[in-house]
PDB file of N, CA and C in Angstrom:
ATOM      1  N   UNK A   1       1.053  -1.183   0.185  1.00  0.00           N
ATOM      2  CA  UNK A   1      -0.242  -0.019   0.166  1.00  0.00           C
ATOM      3  C   UNK A   1       0.860   1.440  -0.259  1.00  0.00           C
ATOM      4  N   UNK A   2       0.771   2.186  -1.124  1.00  0.00           N
ATOM      5  CA  UNK A   2       1.459   3.259  -0.623  1.00  0.00           C
ATOM      6  C   UNK A   2       0.459   4.704  -0.544  1.00  0.00           C
ATOM      7  N   UNK A   3       1.408   5.357  -0.019  1.00  0.00           N
ATOM      8  CA  UNK A   3       0.404   6.799   0.382  1.00  0.00           C
ATOM      9  C   UNK A   3       0.990   8.146  -0.240  1.00  0.00           C
ATOM     10  N   UNK A   4       0.270   8.788  -0.894  1.00  0.00           N
ATOM     11  CA  UNK A   4       1.015   9.709  -1.333  1.00  0.00           C
ATOM     12  C   UNK A   4       0.712  11.707  -0.376  1.00  0.00           C
ATOM     13  N   UNK A   5       1.949  11.958  -0.066  1.00  0.00           N
ATOM     14  CA  UNK A   5       1.626  13.341   0.558  1.00  0.00           C
ATOM     15  C   UNK A   5       0.923  14.381   0.240  1.00  0.00           C
ATOM     16  N   UNK A   6      -0.151  14.714   0.863  1.00  0.00           N
ATOM     17  CA  UNK A   6      -0.739  16.450   0.005  1.00  0.00           C
ATOM     18  C   UNK A   6      -0.295  17.260   0.175  1.00  0.00           C
ATOM     19  N   UNK A   7      -0.124  18.340  -0.442  1.00  0.00           N
ATOM     20  CA  UNK A   7       0.384  19.646  -0.265  1.00  0.00           C
ATOM     21  C   UNK A   7      -0.510  20.223   0.842  1.00  0.00           C
ATOM     22  N   UNK A   8       0.260  20.618   2.102  1.00  0.00           N
ATOM     23  CA  UNK A   8      -0.546  21.420   3.056  1.00  0.00           C
ATOM     24  C   UNK A   8      -0.617  23.294   3.002  1.00  0.00           C
ATOM     25  N   UNK A   9      -1.758  23.261   2.862  1.00  0.00           N
ATOM     26  CA  UNK A   9      -2.365  24.916   2.508  1.00  0.00           C
ATOM     27  C   UNK A   9      -1.569  25.701   3.145  1.00  0.00           C
ATOM     28  N   UNK A  10      -1.226  27.229   2.806  1.00  0.00           N
ATOM     29  CA  UNK A  10      -0.531  28.108   3.557  1.00  0.00           C
ATOM     30  C   UNK A  10      -1.935  28.907   5.064  1.00  0.00           C
ATOM     31  N   UNK A  11      -3.313  28.581   4.454  1.00  0.00           N
ATOM     32  CA  UNK A  11      -3.961  28.410   5.279  1.00  0.00           C
ATOM     33  C   UNK A  11      -4.301  27.831   6.497  1.00  0.00           C
ATOM     34  N   UNK A  12      -3.649  26.570   6.444  1.00  0.00           N
ATOM     35  CA  UNK A  12      -3.742  25.375   7.517  1.00  0.00           C
ATOM     36  C   UNK A  12      -3.598  26.269   9.065  1.00  0.00           C
ATOM     37  N   UNK A  13      -4.024  26.076   9.921  1.00  0.00           N
ATOM     38  CA  UNK A  13      -3.522  26.581  11.427  1.00  0.00           C
ATOM     39  C   UNK A  13      -4.360  27.729  11.508  1.00  0.00           C
ATOM     40  N   UNK A  14      -4.984  28.590  10.553  1.00  0.00           N
ATOM     41  CA  UNK A  14      -5.287  29.909  10.777  1.00  0.00           C
ATOM     42  C   UNK A  14      -7.138  30.203  10.787  1.00  0.00           C
ATOM     43  N   UNK A  15      -7.239  31.386  11.698  1.00  0.00           N
ATOM     44  CA  UNK A  15      -8.645  31.202  12.218  1.00  0.00           C
ATOM     45  C   UNK A  15      -9.153  31.585  10.840  1.00  0.00           C
ATOM     46  N   UNK A  16     -10.475  30.826  10.901  1.00  0.00           N
ATOM     47  CA  UNK A  16     -11.508  31.211   9.734  1.00  0.00           C
ATOM     48  C   UNK A  16     -11.479  32.462   9.290  1.00  0.00           C
ATOM     49  N   UNK A  17     -11.815  32.423   7.666  1.00  0.00           N
ATOM     50  CA  UNK A  17     -12.177  34.028   7.762  1.00  0.00           C
ATOM     51  C   UNK A  17     -10.671  34.724   6.785  1.00  0.00           C
ATOM     52  N   UNK A  18      -9.422  34.222   7.441  1.00  0.00           N
ATOM     53  CA  UNK A  18      -8.335  35.089   7.049  1.00  0.00           C
ATOM     54  C   UNK A  18      -8.005  35.052   5.590  1.00  0.00           C
ATOM     55  N   UNK A  19      -8.098  36.342   5.316  1.00  0.00           N
ATOM     56  CA  UNK A  19      -7.447  36.580   3.799  1.00  0.00           C
ATOM     57  C   UNK A  19      -6.201  36.010   3.532  1.00  0.00           C
ATOM     58  N   UNK A  20      -5.400  35.433   2.660  1.00  0.00           N
ATOM     59  CA  UNK A  20      -4.354  35.225   2.053  1.00  0.00           C
ATOM     60  C   UNK A  20      -4.744  34.377   1.095  1.00  0.00           C
ATOM     61  N   UNK A  21      -3.547  35.066  -0.175  1.00  0.00           N
ATOM     62  CA  UNK A  21      -3.878  34.189  -1.451  1.00  0.00           C
ATOM     63  C   UNK A  21      -2.981  32.681  -1.367  1.00  0.00           C
ATOM     64  N   UNK A  22      -3.718  32.076  -2.028  1.00  0.00           N
ATOM     65  CA  UNK A  22      -2.952  30.912  -1.976  1.00  0.00           C
ATOM     66  C   UNK A  22      -2.311  30.327  -3.331  1.00  0.00           C
ATOM     67  N   UNK A  23      -2.927  31.174  -4.488  1.00  0.00           N
ATOM     68  CA  UNK A  23      -2.695  31.226  -6.227  1.00  0.00           C
ATOM     69  C   UNK A  23      -1.508  31.415  -6.489  1.00  0.00           C
ATOM     70  N   UNK A  24      -1.037  31.335  -7.359  1.00  0.00           N
ATOM     71  CA  UNK A  24       0.072  31.514  -8.386  1.00  0.00           C
ATOM     72  C   UNK A  24       0.464  33.155  -8.317  1.00  0.00           C
ATOM     73  N   UNK A  25       1.586  33.216  -7.809  1.00  0.00           N
ATOM     74  CA  UNK A  25       1.896  34.729  -7.205  1.00  0.00           C
ATOM     75  C   UNK A  25       1.630  35.323  -8.577  1.00  0.00           C
ATOM     76  N   UNK A  26       0.531  36.543  -7.865  1.00  0.00           N
ATOM     77  CA  UNK A  26       0.554  37.645  -9.234  1.00  0.00           C
ATOM     78  C   UNK A  26       1.748  38.765  -9.118  1.00  0.00           C
ATOM     79  N   UNK A  27       2.080  39.088 -10.603  1.00  0.00           N
ATOM     80  CA  UNK A  27       2.944  40.058 -10.919  1.00  0.00           C
ATOM     81  C   UNK A  27       2.279  41.296 -11.748  1.00  0.00           C
ATOM     82  N   UNK A  28       0.867  41.134 -12.267  1.00  0.00           N
ATOM     83  CA  UNK A  28       0.269  42.016 -12.628  1.00  0.00           C
ATOM     84  C   UNK A  28       0.018  43.281 -11.665  1.00  0.00           C
ATOM     85  N   UNK A  29      -0.167  43.782 -11.883  1.00  0.00           N
ATOM     86  CA  UNK A  29      -1.005  45.451 -11.379  1.00  0.00           C
ATOM     87  C   UNK A  29      -2.274  44.724 -11.016  1.00  0.00           C
ATOM     88  N   UNK A  30      -2.906  45.631 -10.341  1.00  0.00           N
ATOM     89  CA  UNK A  30      -4.182  45.655  -9.443  1.00  0.00           C
ATOM     90  C   UNK A  30      -4.843  46.398 -10.124  1.00  0.00           C
ATOM     91  N   UNK A  31      -6.080  45.973 -10.917  1.00  0.00           N
ATOM     92  CA  UNK A  31      -6.781  47.255 -11.684  1.00  0.00           C
ATOM     93  C   UNK A  31      -8.315  47.297 -10.777  1.00  0.00           C
ATOM     94  N   UNK A  32      -8.542  48.675 -10.111  1.00  0.00           N
ATOM     95  CA  UNK A  32      -9.579  49.086  -9.337  1.00  0.00           C
ATOM     96  C   UNK A  32     -10.240  49.808 -10.140  1.00  0.00           C
ATOM     97  N   UNK A  33     -12.038  49.487 -10.025  1.00  0.00           N
ATOM     98  CA  UNK A  33     -12.549  50.243 -10.750  1.00  0.00           C
ATOM     99  C   UNK A  33     -14.094  49.831 -10.088  1.00  0.00           C
ATOM    100  N   UNK A  34     -14.620  51.507 -10.159  1.00  0.00           N
ATOM    101  CA  UNK A  34     -15.964  51.550  -9.528  1.00  0.00           C
ATOM    102  C   UNK A  34     -17.030  51.796 -10.587  1.00  0.00           C
ATOM    103  N   UNK A  35     -18.411  51.559 -10.477  1.00  0.00           N
ATOM    104  CA  UNK A  35     -19.321  52.111 -11.227  1.00  0.00           C
ATOM    105  C   UNK A  35     -20.368  52.301 -10.499  1.00  0.00           C
ATOM    106  N   UNK A  36     -21.038  53.451 -10.532  1.00  0.00           N
ATOM    107  CA  UNK A  36     -21.807  53.946  -9.272  1.00  0.00           C
ATOM    108  C   UNK A  36     -23.244  54.464 -10.149  1.00  0.00           C
ATOM    109  N   UNK A  37     -24.124  53.940  -9.661  1.00  0.00           N
ATOM    110  CA  UNK A  37     -25.301  54.235 -10.246  1.00  0.00           C
ATOM    111  C   UNK A  37     -26.615  54.672  -9.957  1.00  0.00           C
ATOM    112  N   UNK A  38     -28.068  55.086 -10.534  1.00  0.00           N
ATOM    113  CA  UNK A  38     -29.081  55.143  -9.789  1.00  0.00           C
ATOM    114  C   UNK A  38     -29.990  55.410 -11.469  1.00  0.00           C
ATOM    115  N   UNK A  39     -31.202  55.897 -10.802  1.00  0.00           N
ATOM    116  CA  UNK A  39     -32.081  55.341 -12.277  1.00  0.00           C
ATOM    117  C   UNK A  39     -32.061  56.640 -13.151  1.00  0.00           C
ATOM    118  N   UNK A  40     -30.980  57.866 -12.991  1.00  0.00           N
ATOM    119  CA  UNK A  40     -30.901  58.776 -13.402  1.00  0.00           C
ATOM    120  C   UNK A  40     -29.676  58.682 -14.427  1.00  0.00           C
ATOM    121  N   UNK A  41     -28.517  58.112 -13.790  1.00  0.00           N
ATOM    122  CA  UNK A  41     -27.421  58.408 -14.709  1.00  0.00           C
ATOM    123  C   UNK A  41     -25.996  56.994 -14.110  1.00  0.00           C
ATOM    124  N   UNK A  42     -25.629  56.911 -14.599  1.00  0.00           N
ATOM    125  CA  UNK A  42     -24.232  55.901 -14.519  1.00  0.00           C
ATOM    126  C   UNK A  42     -22.870  56.355 -14.209  1.00  0.00           C
ATOM    127  N   UNK A  43     -22.012  56.172 -13.705  1.00  0.00           N
ATOM    128  CA  UNK A  43     -20.725  56.877 -13.815  1.00  0.00           C
ATOM    129  C   UNK A  43     -19.293  55.838 -13.579  1.00  0.00           C
ATOM    130  N   UNK A  44     -18.475  55.768 -14.308  1.00  0.00           N
ATOM    131  CA  UNK A  44     -17.349  54.888 -14.133  1.00  0.00           C
ATOM    132  C   UNK A  44     -15.814  55.582 -13.738  1.00  0.00           C
ATOM    133  N   UNK A  45     -15.111  55.003 -12.741  1.00  0.00           N
ATOM    134  CA  UNK A  45     -13.983  55.310 -12.267  1.00  0.00           C
ATOM    135  C   UNK A  45     -12.751  54.309 -12.081  1.00  0.00           C
ATOM    136  N   UNK A  46     -11.852  54.849 -12.698  1.00  0.00           N
ATOM    137  CA  UNK A  46     -10.750  53.669 -11.850  1.00  0.00           C
ATOM    138  C   UNK A  46     -10.058  54.460 -10.820  1.00  0.00           C
ATOM    139  N   UNK A  47      -8.985  53.700 -10.149  1.00  0.00           N
ATOM    140  CA  UNK A  47      -8.358  53.902  -9.220  1.00  0.00           C
ATOM    141  C   UNK A  47      -6.970  53.429  -9.364  1.00  0.00           C
ATOM    142  N   UNK A  48      -5.911  53.847  -8.352  1.00  0.00           N
ATOM    143  CA  UNK A  48      -4.717  53.871  -8.357  1.00  0.00           C
ATOM    144  C   UNK A  48      -4.747  53.036  -6.718  1.00  0.00           C
ATOM    145  N   UNK A  49      -5.400  53.468  -6.285  1.00  0.00           N
ATOM    146  CA  UNK A  49      -5.461  52.539  -4.846  1.00  0.00           C
ATOM    147  C   UNK A  49      -6.903  52.073  -4.402  1.00  0.00           C
ATOM    148  N   UNK A  50      -6.988  51.320  -3.741  1.00  0.00           N
ATOM    149  CA  UNK A  50      -8.469  51.095  -2.967  1.00  0.00           C
ATOM    150  C   UNK A  50      -9.061  52.090  -2.056  1.00  0.00           C
ATOM    151  N   UNK A  51      -7.874  53.045  -1.347  1.00  0.00           N
ATOM    152  CA  UNK A  51      -8.304  53.696  -0.405  1.00  0.00           C
ATOM    153  C   UNK A  51      -8.901  55.247  -1.301  1.00  0.00           C
ATOM    154  N   UNK A  52      -8.647  55.584  -2.791  1.00  0.00           N
ATOM    155  CA  UNK A  52      -9.150  56.350  -2.957  1.00  0.00           C
ATOM    156  C   UNK A  52     -10.420  56.280  -3.982  1.00  0.00           C
ATOM    157  N   UNK A  53     -11.009  54.974  -3.785  1.00  0.00           N
ATOM    158  CA  UNK A  53     -11.748  54.321  -4.586  1.00  0.00           C
ATOM    159  C   UNK A  53     -12.977  54.503  -3.361  1.00  0.00           C
ATOM    160  N   UNK A  54     -12.632  54.017  -2.378  1.00  0.00           N
ATOM    161  CA  UNK A  54     -13.404  53.673  -1.056  1.00  0.00           C
ATOM    162  C   UNK A  54     -13.873  55.597  -0.394  1.00  0.00           C
ATOM    163  N   UNK A  55     -13.203  56.271  -0.715  1.00  0.00           N
ATOM    164  CA  UNK A  55     -13.272  57.821  -0.470  1.00  0.00           C
ATOM    165  C   UNK A  55     -14.080  58.434  -1.448  1.00  0.00           C
ATOM    166  N   UNK A  56     -14.552  57.349  -2.957  1.00  0.00           N
ATOM    167  CA  UNK A  56     -15.328  58.229  -4.106  1.00  0.00           C
ATOM    168  C   UNK A  56     -16.829  57.648  -3.717  1.00  0.00           C
ATOM    169  N   UNK A  57     -16.631  56.799  -2.921  1.00  0.00           N
ATOM    170  CA  UNK A  57     -18.109  55.981  -2.905  1.00  0.00           C
ATOM    171  C   UNK A  57     -19.517  56.943  -2.376  1.00  0.00           C
ATOM    172  N   UNK A  58     -20.543  56.846  -3.478  1.00  0.00           N
ATOM    173  CA  UNK A  58     -21.611  58.155  -2.793  1.00  0.00           C
ATOM    174  C   UNK A  58     -22.550  56.581  -2.308  1.00  0.00           C
ATOM    175  N   UNK A  59     -22.779  57.186  -1.028  1.00  0.00           N
ATOM    176  CA  UNK A  59     -23.670  56.109  -0.149  1.00  0.00           C
ATOM    177  C   UNK A  59     -25.177  56.385  -0.359  1.00  0.00           C
ATOM    178  N   UNK A  60     -25.743  57.307  -1.539  1.00  0.00           N
ATOM    179  CA  UNK A  60     -26.919  57.622  -1.934  1.00  0.00           C
ATOM    180  C   UNK A  60     -27.421  57.251  -2.950  1.00  0.00           C
ATOM    181  N   UNK A  61     -25.956  56.093  -3.722  1.00  0.00           N
ATOM    182  CA  UNK A  61     -26.604  55.586  -4.971  1.00  0.00           C
ATOM    183  C   UNK A  61     -25.807  54.179  -4.916  1.00  0.00           C
ATOM    184  N   UNK A  62     -25.992  53.089  -5.960  1.00  0.00           N
ATOM    185  CA  UNK A  62     -25.289  52.204  -5.681  1.00  0.00           C
ATOM    186  C   UNK A  62     -23.732  51.963  -6.077  1.00  0.00           C
ATOM    187  N   UNK A  63     -23.027  51.143  -5.677  1.00  0.00           N
ATOM    188  CA  UNK A  63     -21.943  51.291  -6.110  1.00  0.00           C
ATOM    189  C   UNK A  63     -21.102  50.001  -6.557  1.00  0.00           C
ATOM    190  N   UNK A  64     -20.486  49.769  -7.255  1.00  0.00           N
ATOM    191  CA  UNK A  64     -20.374  48.276  -7.258  1.00  0.00           C
ATOM    192  C   UNK A  64     -18.645  48.413  -7.723  1.00  0.00           C
ATOM    193  N   UNK A  65     -17.845  47.798  -7.057  1.00  0.00           N
ATOM    194  CA  UNK A  65     -16.170  47.599  -7.117  1.00  0.00           C
ATOM    195  C   UNK A  65     -15.905  46.644  -7.193  1.00  0.00           C
ATOM    196  N   UNK A  66     -14.863  46.552  -8.790  1.00  0.00           N
ATOM    197  CA  UNK A  66     -14.405  45.772  -9.358  1.00  0.00           C
ATOM    198  C   UNK A  66     -12.865  45.409  -9.294  1.00  0.00           C
ATOM    199  N   UNK A  67     -12.432  44.513  -8.356  1.00  0.00           N
ATOM    200  CA  UNK A  67     -10.942  44.460  -8.503  1.00  0.00           C
ATOM    201  C   UNK A  67     -10.256  43.051  -9.098  1.00  0.00           C
ATOM    202  N   UNK A  68      -9.249  43.823 -10.338  1.00  0.00           N
ATOM    203  CA  UNK A  68      -8.992  42.721 -11.197  1.00  0.00           C
ATOM    204  C   UNK A  68      -7.680  42.555 -10.824  1.00  0.00           C
ATOM    205  N   UNK A  69      -7.328  41.158  -9.778  1.00  0.00           N
ATOM    206  CA  UNK A  69      -6.126  40.912  -9.330  1.00  0.00           C
ATOM    207  C   UNK A  69      -6.214  40.466  -7.670  1.00  0.00           C
ATOM    208  N   UNK A  70      -6.559  39.487  -7.277  1.00  0.00           N
ATOM    209  CA  UNK A  70      -6.711  39.117  -6.010  1.00  0.00           C
ATOM    210  C   UNK A  70      -5.765  38.610  -5.247  1.00  0.00           C
ATOM    211  N   UNK A  71      -4.380  38.907  -6.028  1.00  0.00           N
ATOM    212  CA  UNK A  71      -3.213  38.392  -5.376  1.00  0.00           C
ATOM    213  C   UNK A  71      -2.532  39.273  -4.121  1.00  0.00           C
ATOM    214  N   UNK A  72      -3.271  40.680  -4.003  1.00  0.00           N
ATOM    215  CA  UNK A  72      -3.040  41.445  -2.339  1.00  0.00           C
ATOM    216  C   UNK A  72      -4.363  41.465  -1.472  1.00  0.00           C
ATOM    217  N   UNK A  73      -4.042  40.278  -1.001  1.00  0.00           N
ATOM    218  CA  UNK A  73      -5.467  40.343   0.170  1.00  0.00           C
ATOM    219  C   UNK A  73      -5.619  41.660   0.657  1.00  0.00           C
ATOM    220  N   UNK A  74      -5.044  42.685   1.031  1.00  0.00           N
ATOM    221  CA  UNK A  74      -4.938  43.879   1.794  1.00  0.00           C
ATOM    222  C   UNK A  74      -5.902  44.068   1.464  1.00  0.00           C
ATOM    223  N   UNK A  75      -6.159  44.449  -0.202  1.00  0.00           N
ATOM    224  CA  UNK A  75      -6.969  45.320  -0.665  1.00  0.00           C
ATOM    225  C   UNK A  75      -8.422  44.729  -0.506  1.00  0.00           C
ATOM    226  N   UNK A  76      -8.820  43.168  -0.667  1.00  0.00           N
ATOM    227  CA  UNK A  76      -9.809  42.572  -0.373  1.00  0.00           C
ATOM    228  C   UNK A  76     -10.427  42.852   1.202  1.00  0.00           C
ATOM    229  N   UNK A  77      -9.101  42.473   2.092  1.00  0.00           N
ATOM    230  CA  UNK A  77      -9.365  43.400   3.410  1.00  0.00           C
ATOM    231  C   UNK A  77     -10.039  44.765   3.698  1.00  0.00           C
ATOM    232  N   UNK A  78      -9.672  45.892   2.930  1.00  0.00           N
ATOM    233  CA  UNK A  78      -9.937  46.884   3.424  1.00  0.00           C
ATOM    234  C   UNK A  78     -11.336  47.053   2.498  1.00  0.00           C
ATOM    235  N   UNK A  79     -11.892  46.484   1.483  1.00  0.00           N
ATOM    236  CA  UNK A  79     -13.443  46.674   1.329  1.00  0.00           C
ATOM    237  C   UNK A  79     -14.331  46.145   2.377  1.00  0.00           C
ATOM    238  N   UNK A  80     -13.628  44.788   3.177  1.00  0.00           N
ATOM    239  CA  UNK A  80     -14.430  44.087   4.227  1.00  0.00           C
ATOM    240  C   UNK A  80     -14.833  45.044   5.262  1.00  0.00           C
ATOM    241  N   UNK A  81     -13.680  45.810   5.748  1.00  0.00           N
ATOM    242  CA  UNK A  81     -13.680  46.877   6.819  1.00  0.00           C
ATOM    243  C   UNK A  81     -14.720  47.968   6.445  1.00  0.00           C
ATOM    244  N   UNK A  82     -14.301  48.615   5.351  1.00  0.00           N
ATOM    245  CA  UNK A  82     -15.015  49.678   4.853  1.00  0.00           C
ATOM    246  C   UNK A  82     -16.727  49.262   4.937  1.00  0.00           C
ATOM    247  N   UNK A  83     -17.261  48.176   4.498  1.00  0.00           N
ATOM    248  CA  UNK A  83     -18.490  47.754   4.316  1.00  0.00           C
ATOM    249  C   UNK A  83     -19.019  46.363   5.229  1.00  0.00           C
ATOM    250  N   UNK A  84     -18.323  46.595   6.434  1.00  0.00           N
ATOM    251  CA  UNK A  84     -18.335  45.877   7.557  1.00  0.00           C
ATOM    252  C   UNK A  84     -18.678  44.091   6.979  1.00  0.00           C
ATOM    253  N   UNK A  85     -18.257  43.456   6.462  1.00  0.00           N
ATOM    254  CA  UNK A  85     -18.514  42.137   5.442  1.00  0.00           C
ATOM    255  C   UNK A  85     -16.964  41.284   6.074  1.00  0.00           C
TER     256      UNK A  85
END
């Protein structure tokens, strides 16, 4: 009988919900964009930082934040903190 060793995830032993990137190392820049809309208009914008994007949120309208490139978990963490998720 033979056994194979499974790779242990870097998440092993961390608390549930801990944000950690376990995929391939991302070398591409993260692209952050926001689409804000209501019944009258739609607005799209791109940002260099998540802090800039979050500072531009319009609470009286719908805001969609898109992040292309999830290899920087600190960006997702900031979104979670900002929206209490």
